[in-house]
């Protein structure tokens, strides 16, 4: 009993817990474009999955449709603010419309959700102390931390709320 207590205390003393960053993470335009590219891929994947599995169609298709733009031009017109300028560039470059290969131009709320998730993962993976001292399965622990973070939950709530509001219109 005492040995288990001491072993646990030693384990806990050398264990660094994954925590969502409390400070704003400043990322450059290239990283923001990568996040925008990833969220476009997520929406494209959701749409593809819904088209393959008809049971998912009623839930996924309206959500995706409410969080996408048809073109880079449409995205730029909707978001002329400086902080969003150029986000769509990577998606626009990668889209090959005549081959049917394209990512979706995501809405700003969905991009902000992806950015909130990215901040948590990046902070964890850039923490060498966390990586060096972790005694378990790091991936699920980071996922648990990111998915329970208030900033991530709030960003997701904005996406869901936007979809619900538009569905009522």
N, C-alpha and C. Protein backbone atom coordinates (compact mmCIF):
# COMPACT_ATOMS: atom_id res chain seq x y z
N UNK A 1 0.83 -1.18 0.00
CA UNK A 1 0.00 0.00 0.00
C UNK A 1 0.88 1.25 0.00
N UNK A 2 1.86 1.31 0.90
CA UNK A 2 2.75 2.46 0.97
C UNK A 2 3.57 2.56 -0.31
N UNK A 3 4.05 1.42 -0.82
CA UNK A 3 4.83 1.43 -2.05
C UNK A 3 4.02 1.99 -3.21
N UNK A 4 2.73 1.60 -3.30
CA UNK A 4 1.87 2.11 -4.36
C UNK A 4 1.66 3.61 -4.22
N UNK A 5 1.51 4.09 -3.00
CA UNK A 5 1.31 5.51 -2.77
C UNK A 5 2.55 6.30 -3.17
N UNK A 6 3.71 5.81 -2.78
CA UNK A 6 4.97 6.49 -3.14
C UNK A 6 5.21 6.44 -4.65
N UNK A 7 4.90 5.30 -5.25
CA UNK A 7 5.07 5.18 -6.70
C UNK A 7 4.16 6.16 -7.43
N UNK A 8 2.91 6.26 -6.95
CA UNK A 8 1.96 7.18 -7.57
C UNK A 8 2.40 8.64 -7.37
N UNK A 9 2.88 8.96 -6.17
CA UNK A 9 3.35 10.32 -5.89
C UNK A 9 4.54 10.67 -6.77
N UNK A 10 5.45 9.73 -6.95
CA UNK A 10 6.61 9.96 -7.82
C UNK A 10 6.16 10.15 -9.27
N UNK A 11 5.22 9.31 -9.69
CA UNK A 11 4.68 9.43 -11.04
C UNK A 11 4.04 10.81 -11.25
N UNK A 12 3.20 11.23 -10.30
CA UNK A 12 2.53 12.51 -10.42
C UNK A 12 3.50 13.69 -10.37
N UNK A 13 4.57 13.55 -9.61
CA UNK A 13 5.55 14.63 -9.50
C UNK A 13 6.30 14.83 -10.81
N UNK A 14 6.42 13.77 -11.60
CA UNK A 14 7.15 13.85 -12.86
C UNK A 14 6.23 13.90 -14.08
N UNK A 15 4.97 14.18 -13.84
CA UNK A 15 3.98 14.16 -14.91
C UNK A 15 3.53 15.58 -15.23
N UNK A 16 3.62 15.96 -16.49
CA UNK A 16 3.16 17.26 -16.93
C UNK A 16 1.85 17.04 -17.67
N UNK A 17 0.80 17.71 -17.26
CA UNK A 17 -0.52 17.54 -17.86
C UNK A 17 -0.67 18.47 -19.07
N UNK A 18 -1.29 17.94 -20.10
CA UNK A 18 -1.60 18.75 -21.28
C UNK A 18 -2.67 19.77 -20.89
N UNK A 19 -2.40 21.05 -21.14
CA UNK A 19 -3.37 22.09 -20.83
C UNK A 19 -3.50 23.02 -22.03
N UNK A 20 -4.72 23.49 -22.23
CA UNK A 20 -4.98 24.43 -23.32
C UNK A 20 -4.30 25.76 -22.96
N UNK A 21 -3.62 26.40 -23.90
CA UNK A 21 -2.90 27.64 -23.57
C UNK A 21 -3.84 28.77 -23.13
N UNK A 22 -3.40 29.51 -22.15
CA UNK A 22 -4.20 30.62 -21.64
C UNK A 22 -3.85 31.94 -22.32
N UNK A 23 -2.77 31.95 -23.06
CA UNK A 23 -2.33 33.16 -23.74
C UNK A 23 -2.70 33.06 -25.22
N UNK A 24 -2.91 34.20 -25.87
CA UNK A 24 -3.23 34.14 -27.31
C UNK A 24 -2.01 33.66 -28.09
N UNK A 25 -2.24 32.77 -29.01
CA UNK A 25 -1.16 32.21 -29.82
C UNK A 25 -1.06 33.01 -31.10
N UNK A 26 0.08 33.62 -31.33
CA UNK A 26 0.28 34.42 -32.53
C UNK A 26 0.87 33.52 -33.62
N UNK A 27 0.12 33.33 -34.69
CA UNK A 27 0.63 32.51 -35.78
C UNK A 27 0.70 33.35 -37.05
N UNK A 28 1.63 32.99 -37.90
CA UNK A 28 1.83 33.79 -39.11
C UNK A 28 0.81 33.42 -40.20
N UNK A 29 0.83 34.17 -41.28
CA UNK A 29 -0.16 34.02 -42.34
C UNK A 29 -0.07 32.64 -42.99
N UNK A 30 1.11 32.07 -43.07
CA UNK A 30 1.26 30.75 -43.68
C UNK A 30 0.59 29.68 -42.83
N UNK A 31 0.74 29.78 -41.53
CA UNK A 31 0.08 28.83 -40.63
C UNK A 31 -1.43 29.01 -40.68
N UNK A 32 -1.90 30.25 -40.76
CA UNK A 32 -3.34 30.50 -40.87
C UNK A 32 -3.90 29.90 -42.16
N UNK A 33 -3.13 30.01 -43.24
CA UNK A 33 -3.57 29.44 -44.52
C UNK A 33 -3.63 27.92 -44.45
N UNK A 34 -2.70 27.32 -43.73
CA UNK A 34 -2.72 25.86 -43.57
C UNK A 34 -3.96 25.44 -42.79
N UNK A 35 -4.28 26.17 -41.72
CA UNK A 35 -5.49 25.86 -40.95
C UNK A 35 -6.72 26.02 -41.84
N UNK A 36 -6.76 27.07 -42.64
CA UNK A 36 -7.90 27.28 -43.54
C UNK A 36 -8.01 26.13 -44.54
N UNK A 37 -6.88 25.68 -45.03
CA UNK A 37 -6.84 24.54 -45.95
C UNK A 37 -7.39 23.28 -45.26
N UNK A 38 -6.99 23.06 -44.02
CA UNK A 38 -7.44 21.88 -43.27
C UNK A 38 -8.95 21.92 -43.02
N UNK A 39 -9.48 23.09 -42.63
CA UNK A 39 -10.92 23.15 -42.38
C UNK A 39 -11.71 22.98 -43.68
N UNK A 40 -11.17 23.44 -44.80
CA UNK A 40 -11.80 23.19 -46.09
C UNK A 40 -11.81 21.71 -46.41
N UNK A 41 -10.71 21.03 -46.08
CA UNK A 41 -10.63 19.59 -46.29
C UNK A 41 -11.63 18.87 -45.38
N UNK A 42 -11.78 19.32 -44.12
CA UNK A 42 -12.75 18.70 -43.21
C UNK A 42 -14.16 18.80 -43.76
N UNK A 43 -14.52 19.98 -44.25
CA UNK A 43 -15.86 20.14 -44.83
C UNK A 43 -16.03 19.29 -46.08
N UNK A 44 -15.01 19.23 -46.92
CA UNK A 44 -15.07 18.38 -48.12
C UNK A 44 -15.23 16.92 -47.73
N UNK A 45 -14.50 16.49 -46.71
CA UNK A 45 -14.58 15.10 -46.25
C UNK A 45 -15.95 14.79 -45.68
N UNK A 46 -16.52 15.74 -44.93
CA UNK A 46 -17.85 15.53 -44.36
C UNK A 46 -18.88 15.39 -45.48
N UNK A 47 -18.76 16.21 -46.50
CA UNK A 47 -19.69 16.14 -47.62
C UNK A 47 -19.55 14.83 -48.39
N UNK A 48 -18.33 14.40 -48.62
CA UNK A 48 -18.08 13.13 -49.30
C UNK A 48 -18.66 11.97 -48.49
N UNK A 49 -18.43 12.01 -47.20
CA UNK A 49 -18.95 10.95 -46.31
C UNK A 49 -20.48 10.94 -46.33
N UNK A 50 -21.10 12.11 -46.29
CA UNK A 50 -22.56 12.19 -46.31
C UNK A 50 -23.12 11.69 -47.64
N UNK A 51 -22.41 11.92 -48.72
CA UNK A 51 -22.88 11.44 -50.02
C UNK A 51 -22.76 9.93 -50.15
N UNK A 52 -21.79 9.34 -49.45
CA UNK A 52 -21.63 7.88 -49.47
C UNK A 52 -22.61 7.18 -48.54
N UNK A 53 -22.87 7.80 -47.39
CA UNK A 53 -23.74 7.20 -46.40
C UNK A 53 -24.99 8.08 -46.27
N UNK A 54 -26.04 7.67 -46.92
CA UNK A 54 -27.26 8.49 -47.02
C UNK A 54 -27.86 8.82 -45.65
N UNK A 55 -27.60 7.99 -44.63
CA UNK A 55 -28.14 8.26 -43.30
C UNK A 55 -27.56 9.54 -42.70
N UNK A 56 -26.38 9.94 -43.13
CA UNK A 56 -25.72 11.14 -42.61
C UNK A 56 -26.12 12.41 -43.35
N UNK A 57 -26.75 12.25 -44.48
CA UNK A 57 -27.02 13.38 -45.37
C UNK A 57 -27.81 14.50 -44.68
N UNK A 58 -28.86 14.16 -43.95
CA UNK A 58 -29.71 15.19 -43.34
C UNK A 58 -28.97 16.04 -42.31
N UNK A 59 -27.95 15.46 -41.66
CA UNK A 59 -27.20 16.21 -40.66
C UNK A 59 -26.01 16.96 -41.25
N UNK A 60 -25.26 16.30 -42.12
CA UNK A 60 -24.02 16.87 -42.60
C UNK A 60 -24.18 17.87 -43.74
N UNK A 61 -25.01 17.57 -44.70
CA UNK A 61 -25.11 18.43 -45.89
C UNK A 61 -25.56 19.85 -45.53
N UNK A 62 -26.62 20.03 -44.73
CA UNK A 62 -26.98 21.41 -44.37
C UNK A 62 -25.88 22.14 -43.60
N UNK A 63 -25.19 21.41 -42.71
CA UNK A 63 -24.10 22.03 -41.95
C UNK A 63 -23.00 22.50 -42.89
N UNK A 64 -22.58 21.63 -43.79
CA UNK A 64 -21.52 21.98 -44.73
C UNK A 64 -21.96 23.14 -45.62
N UNK A 65 -23.17 23.08 -46.11
CA UNK A 65 -23.67 24.14 -46.99
C UNK A 65 -23.71 25.50 -46.31
N UNK A 66 -23.90 25.51 -45.01
CA UNK A 66 -23.96 26.77 -44.27
C UNK A 66 -22.57 27.28 -43.88
N UNK A 67 -21.57 26.45 -44.08
CA UNK A 67 -20.21 26.85 -43.71
C UNK A 67 -19.25 26.84 -44.89
N UNK A 68 -19.78 27.13 -46.06
CA UNK A 68 -18.91 27.14 -47.24
C UNK A 68 -19.25 28.29 -48.16
N UNK A 69 -18.27 28.62 -48.98
CA UNK A 69 -18.44 29.58 -50.05
C UNK A 69 -18.18 28.86 -51.36
N UNK A 70 -18.80 29.31 -52.42
CA UNK A 70 -18.66 28.66 -53.72
C UNK A 70 -17.30 28.89 -54.36
N UNK A 71 -16.69 30.04 -54.04
CA UNK A 71 -15.44 30.39 -54.69
C UNK A 71 -14.60 31.28 -53.78
N UNK A 72 -13.34 31.44 -54.18
CA UNK A 72 -12.44 32.34 -53.44
C UNK A 72 -12.96 33.78 -53.55
N UNK A 73 -13.48 34.13 -54.71
CA UNK A 73 -14.01 35.48 -54.90
C UNK A 73 -15.17 35.73 -53.93
N UNK A 74 -16.06 34.78 -53.78
CA UNK A 74 -17.20 34.92 -52.87
C UNK A 74 -16.70 35.07 -51.42
N UNK A 75 -15.69 34.30 -51.05
CA UNK A 75 -15.12 34.42 -49.71
C UNK A 75 -14.53 35.82 -49.49
N UNK A 76 -13.76 36.30 -50.48
CA UNK A 76 -13.14 37.63 -50.37
C UNK A 76 -14.19 38.73 -50.26
N UNK A 77 -15.27 38.62 -51.01
CA UNK A 77 -16.33 39.62 -50.95
C UNK A 77 -17.02 39.62 -49.59
N UNK A 78 -17.20 38.45 -49.02
CA UNK A 78 -17.87 38.34 -47.73
C UNK A 78 -16.97 38.78 -46.57
N UNK A 79 -15.65 38.65 -46.76
CA UNK A 79 -14.70 38.96 -45.68
C UNK A 79 -13.55 39.83 -46.18
N UNK A 80 -13.82 41.12 -46.38
CA UNK A 80 -12.76 42.01 -46.85
C UNK A 80 -11.80 42.43 -45.73
N UNK A 81 -12.09 42.03 -44.48
CA UNK A 81 -11.24 42.42 -43.36
C UNK A 81 -9.81 41.93 -43.57
N UNK A 82 -8.88 42.74 -43.12
CA UNK A 82 -7.46 42.44 -43.33
C UNK A 82 -7.04 41.10 -42.74
N UNK A 83 -7.58 40.74 -41.58
CA UNK A 83 -7.15 39.50 -40.92
C UNK A 83 -7.52 38.25 -41.71
N UNK A 84 -8.47 38.37 -42.66
CA UNK A 84 -8.88 37.20 -43.45
C UNK A 84 -8.37 37.25 -44.88
N UNK A 85 -7.69 38.32 -45.25
CA UNK A 85 -7.19 38.44 -46.62
C UNK A 85 -6.12 37.39 -46.89
N UNK A 86 -6.29 36.70 -47.98
CA UNK A 86 -5.30 35.72 -48.40
C UNK A 86 -5.46 34.33 -47.82
N UNK A 87 -6.39 34.14 -46.88
CA UNK A 87 -6.58 32.81 -46.31
C UNK A 87 -6.93 31.79 -47.38
N UNK A 88 -7.74 32.22 -48.32
CA UNK A 88 -8.27 31.32 -49.34
C UNK A 88 -7.25 30.96 -50.42
N UNK A 89 -6.07 31.59 -50.40
CA UNK A 89 -5.10 31.42 -51.47
C UNK A 89 -4.65 29.97 -51.66
N UNK A 90 -4.37 29.26 -50.57
CA UNK A 90 -3.90 27.88 -50.69
C UNK A 90 -5.00 26.99 -51.26
N UNK A 91 -6.22 27.18 -50.80
CA UNK A 91 -7.34 26.38 -51.30
C UNK A 91 -7.55 26.67 -52.79
N UNK A 92 -7.48 27.94 -53.15
CA UNK A 92 -7.67 28.33 -54.54
C UNK A 92 -6.59 27.70 -55.44
N UNK A 93 -5.35 27.69 -54.97
CA UNK A 93 -4.25 27.09 -55.74
C UNK A 93 -4.43 25.59 -55.93
N UNK A 94 -4.92 24.92 -54.89
CA UNK A 94 -5.02 23.46 -54.92
C UNK A 94 -6.24 22.95 -55.65
N UNK A 95 -7.25 23.78 -55.81
CA UNK A 95 -8.47 23.33 -56.49
C UNK A 95 -8.23 23.17 -57.98
N UNK A 96 -8.60 22.01 -58.49
CA UNK A 96 -8.50 21.73 -59.91
C UNK A 96 -9.91 21.37 -60.36
N UNK A 97 -10.69 22.39 -60.68
CA UNK A 97 -12.12 22.19 -60.92
C UNK A 97 -12.41 21.26 -62.10
N UNK A 98 -11.60 21.31 -63.16
CA UNK A 98 -11.88 20.48 -64.32
C UNK A 98 -11.61 19.01 -64.06
N UNK A 99 -10.88 18.68 -62.98
CA UNK A 99 -10.68 17.28 -62.61
C UNK A 99 -11.60 16.87 -61.47
N UNK A 100 -12.44 17.78 -61.03
CA UNK A 100 -13.35 17.46 -59.94
C UNK A 100 -12.68 17.41 -58.58
N UNK A 101 -11.45 17.89 -58.49
CA UNK A 101 -10.72 17.89 -57.23
C UNK A 101 -10.81 19.28 -56.62
N UNK A 102 -11.45 19.36 -55.48
CA UNK A 102 -11.53 20.68 -54.87
C UNK A 102 -11.79 20.57 -53.38
N UNK A 103 -11.29 21.58 -52.69
CA UNK A 103 -11.59 21.75 -51.28
C UNK A 103 -12.63 22.83 -51.17
N UNK A 104 -13.24 22.89 -50.02
CA UNK A 104 -14.30 23.88 -49.81
C UNK A 104 -13.69 25.14 -49.20
N UNK A 105 -14.20 26.28 -49.63
CA UNK A 105 -13.84 27.56 -49.03
C UNK A 105 -14.71 27.71 -47.78
N UNK A 106 -14.10 27.56 -46.62
CA UNK A 106 -14.84 27.52 -45.35
C UNK A 106 -15.28 28.90 -44.89
N UNK A 107 -16.33 28.90 -44.08
CA UNK A 107 -16.79 30.14 -43.45
C UNK A 107 -15.80 30.56 -42.36
N UNK A 108 -15.85 31.81 -41.99
CA UNK A 108 -14.96 32.30 -40.94
C UNK A 108 -15.25 31.63 -39.59
N UNK A 109 -16.52 31.43 -39.18
CA UNK A 109 -16.73 30.73 -37.90
C UNK A 109 -16.13 29.33 -37.89
N UNK A 110 -16.22 28.60 -39.02
CA UNK A 110 -15.63 27.26 -39.05
C UNK A 110 -14.11 27.34 -39.05
N UNK A 111 -13.57 28.33 -39.73
CA UNK A 111 -12.11 28.56 -39.69
C UNK A 111 -11.67 28.87 -38.25
N UNK A 112 -12.42 29.71 -37.54
CA UNK A 112 -12.06 30.05 -36.16
C UNK A 112 -12.14 28.83 -35.25
N UNK A 113 -13.08 27.94 -35.51
CA UNK A 113 -13.13 26.68 -34.77
C UNK A 113 -11.86 25.86 -35.04
N UNK A 114 -11.50 25.73 -36.30
CA UNK A 114 -10.27 24.99 -36.64
C UNK A 114 -9.03 25.63 -36.04
N UNK A 115 -9.00 26.94 -36.01
CA UNK A 115 -7.88 27.66 -35.41
C UNK A 115 -7.80 27.39 -33.90
N UNK A 116 -8.95 27.37 -33.23
CA UNK A 116 -8.98 27.09 -31.79
C UNK A 116 -8.45 25.69 -31.50
N UNK A 117 -8.83 24.73 -32.32
CA UNK A 117 -8.33 23.36 -32.15
C UNK A 117 -6.82 23.32 -32.40
N UNK A 118 -6.40 23.98 -33.47
CA UNK A 118 -4.98 24.00 -33.83
C UNK A 118 -4.12 24.59 -32.72
N UNK A 119 -4.59 25.66 -32.09
CA UNK A 119 -3.83 26.30 -31.01
C UNK A 119 -3.55 25.31 -29.88
N UNK A 120 -4.57 24.53 -29.49
CA UNK A 120 -4.38 23.55 -28.42
C UNK A 120 -3.40 22.46 -28.80
N UNK A 121 -3.55 21.91 -29.99
CA UNK A 121 -2.63 20.85 -30.43
C UNK A 121 -1.21 21.38 -30.56
N UNK A 122 -1.07 22.56 -31.18
CA UNK A 122 0.26 23.12 -31.39
C UNK A 122 0.96 23.39 -30.06
N UNK A 123 0.23 23.95 -29.09
CA UNK A 123 0.83 24.24 -27.79
C UNK A 123 1.32 22.96 -27.12
N UNK A 124 0.54 21.90 -27.25
CA UNK A 124 0.95 20.62 -26.65
C UNK A 124 2.17 20.04 -27.35
N UNK A 125 2.15 20.06 -28.66
CA UNK A 125 3.24 19.44 -29.41
C UNK A 125 4.52 20.27 -29.40
N UNK A 126 4.40 21.56 -29.09
CA UNK A 126 5.59 22.40 -29.00
C UNK A 126 6.16 22.44 -27.58
N UNK A 127 5.56 21.70 -26.66
CA UNK A 127 6.02 21.68 -25.27
C UNK A 127 6.93 20.47 -25.06
N UNK A 128 8.25 20.66 -25.12
CA UNK A 128 9.15 19.51 -24.99
C UNK A 128 9.05 18.84 -23.62
N UNK A 129 8.72 19.60 -22.58
CA UNK A 129 8.58 19.01 -21.25
C UNK A 129 7.43 18.02 -21.24
N UNK A 130 6.32 18.39 -21.87
CA UNK A 130 5.17 17.51 -21.95
C UNK A 130 5.53 16.23 -22.69
N UNK A 131 6.19 16.37 -23.82
CA UNK A 131 6.55 15.20 -24.61
C UNK A 131 7.56 14.30 -23.89
N UNK A 132 8.45 14.90 -23.12
CA UNK A 132 9.49 14.12 -22.45
C UNK A 132 8.98 13.42 -21.20
N UNK A 133 7.97 13.96 -20.54
CA UNK A 133 7.56 13.40 -19.25
C UNK A 133 6.24 12.66 -19.28
N UNK A 134 5.58 12.63 -20.41
CA UNK A 134 4.25 12.03 -20.44
C UNK A 134 4.33 10.53 -20.23
N UNK A 135 3.47 10.01 -19.34
CA UNK A 135 3.45 8.58 -19.02
C UNK A 135 2.15 7.95 -19.50
N UNK A 136 1.91 7.93 -20.74
CA UNK A 136 0.66 7.35 -21.22
C UNK A 136 0.48 7.59 -22.69
N UNK A 137 -0.76 7.61 -23.12
CA UNK A 137 -1.08 7.78 -24.52
C UNK A 137 -1.34 9.27 -24.77
N UNK A 138 -0.38 9.95 -25.33
CA UNK A 138 -0.42 11.40 -25.47
C UNK A 138 -1.54 11.89 -26.39
N UNK A 139 -1.76 11.21 -27.50
CA UNK A 139 -2.78 11.65 -28.46
C UNK A 139 -4.16 11.81 -27.85
N UNK A 140 -4.70 10.76 -27.22
CA UNK A 140 -6.02 10.90 -26.59
C UNK A 140 -6.06 11.95 -25.48
N UNK A 141 -4.96 12.12 -24.75
CA UNK A 141 -4.93 13.13 -23.69
C UNK A 141 -5.01 14.53 -24.28
N UNK A 142 -4.30 14.77 -25.38
CA UNK A 142 -4.36 16.08 -26.04
C UNK A 142 -5.77 16.30 -26.61
N UNK A 143 -6.33 15.27 -27.24
CA UNK A 143 -7.68 15.38 -27.77
C UNK A 143 -8.68 15.72 -26.67
N UNK A 144 -8.56 15.05 -25.53
CA UNK A 144 -9.46 15.31 -24.40
C UNK A 144 -9.31 16.76 -23.93
N UNK A 145 -8.07 17.24 -23.82
CA UNK A 145 -7.80 18.60 -23.37
C UNK A 145 -8.37 19.62 -24.37
N UNK A 146 -8.12 19.41 -25.66
CA UNK A 146 -8.58 20.36 -26.68
C UNK A 146 -10.10 20.35 -26.77
N UNK A 147 -10.71 19.18 -26.74
CA UNK A 147 -12.16 19.10 -26.91
C UNK A 147 -12.93 19.62 -25.69
N UNK A 148 -12.26 19.72 -24.55
CA UNK A 148 -12.94 20.26 -23.37
C UNK A 148 -12.59 21.73 -23.12
N UNK A 149 -11.73 22.31 -23.94
CA UNK A 149 -11.34 23.72 -23.77
C UNK A 149 -12.50 24.65 -24.08
N UNK A 150 -12.70 25.64 -23.23
CA UNK A 150 -13.82 26.58 -23.40
C UNK A 150 -13.76 27.31 -24.74
N UNK A 151 -12.57 27.71 -25.14
CA UNK A 151 -12.44 28.44 -26.41
C UNK A 151 -12.87 27.58 -27.60
N UNK A 152 -12.53 26.31 -27.56
CA UNK A 152 -12.93 25.40 -28.64
C UNK A 152 -14.44 25.17 -28.61
N UNK A 153 -14.98 24.94 -27.42
CA UNK A 153 -16.43 24.72 -27.29
C UNK A 153 -17.22 25.96 -27.74
N UNK A 154 -16.72 27.14 -27.42
CA UNK A 154 -17.40 28.37 -27.84
C UNK A 154 -17.34 28.53 -29.36
N UNK A 155 -16.20 28.21 -29.97
CA UNK A 155 -16.05 28.31 -31.42
C UNK A 155 -17.00 27.33 -32.12
N UNK A 156 -17.10 26.11 -31.56
CA UNK A 156 -18.02 25.13 -32.14
C UNK A 156 -19.46 25.58 -31.97
N UNK A 157 -19.79 26.14 -30.82
CA UNK A 157 -21.16 26.62 -30.56
C UNK A 157 -21.54 27.70 -31.57
N UNK A 158 -20.59 28.57 -31.94
CA UNK A 158 -20.88 29.60 -32.96
C UNK A 158 -21.19 28.94 -34.30
N UNK A 159 -20.46 27.88 -34.64
CA UNK A 159 -20.73 27.17 -35.90
C UNK A 159 -22.11 26.54 -35.87
N UNK A 160 -22.43 25.87 -34.79
CA UNK A 160 -23.73 25.20 -34.68
C UNK A 160 -24.86 26.21 -34.64
N UNK A 161 -24.65 27.30 -33.92
CA UNK A 161 -25.68 28.33 -33.81
C UNK A 161 -25.94 28.96 -35.18
N UNK A 162 -24.88 29.24 -35.92
CA UNK A 162 -25.02 29.81 -37.25
C UNK A 162 -25.82 28.87 -38.14
N UNK A 163 -25.55 27.58 -38.06
CA UNK A 163 -26.28 26.61 -38.88
C UNK A 163 -27.73 26.56 -38.48
N UNK A 164 -27.98 26.57 -37.18
CA UNK A 164 -29.36 26.50 -36.70
C UNK A 164 -30.14 27.76 -37.10
N UNK A 165 -29.51 28.92 -36.97
CA UNK A 165 -30.18 30.17 -37.33
C UNK A 165 -30.50 30.22 -38.82
N UNK A 166 -29.57 29.81 -39.65
CA UNK A 166 -29.79 29.85 -41.10
C UNK A 166 -30.83 28.83 -41.52
N UNK A 167 -30.91 27.71 -40.80
CA UNK A 167 -31.90 26.69 -41.14
C UNK A 167 -33.32 27.22 -40.90
N UNK A 168 -33.46 28.12 -39.93
CA UNK A 168 -34.77 28.65 -39.61
C UNK A 168 -35.21 29.74 -40.59
N UNK A 169 -34.26 30.33 -41.31
CA UNK A 169 -34.59 31.44 -42.23
C UNK A 169 -35.31 30.95 -43.46
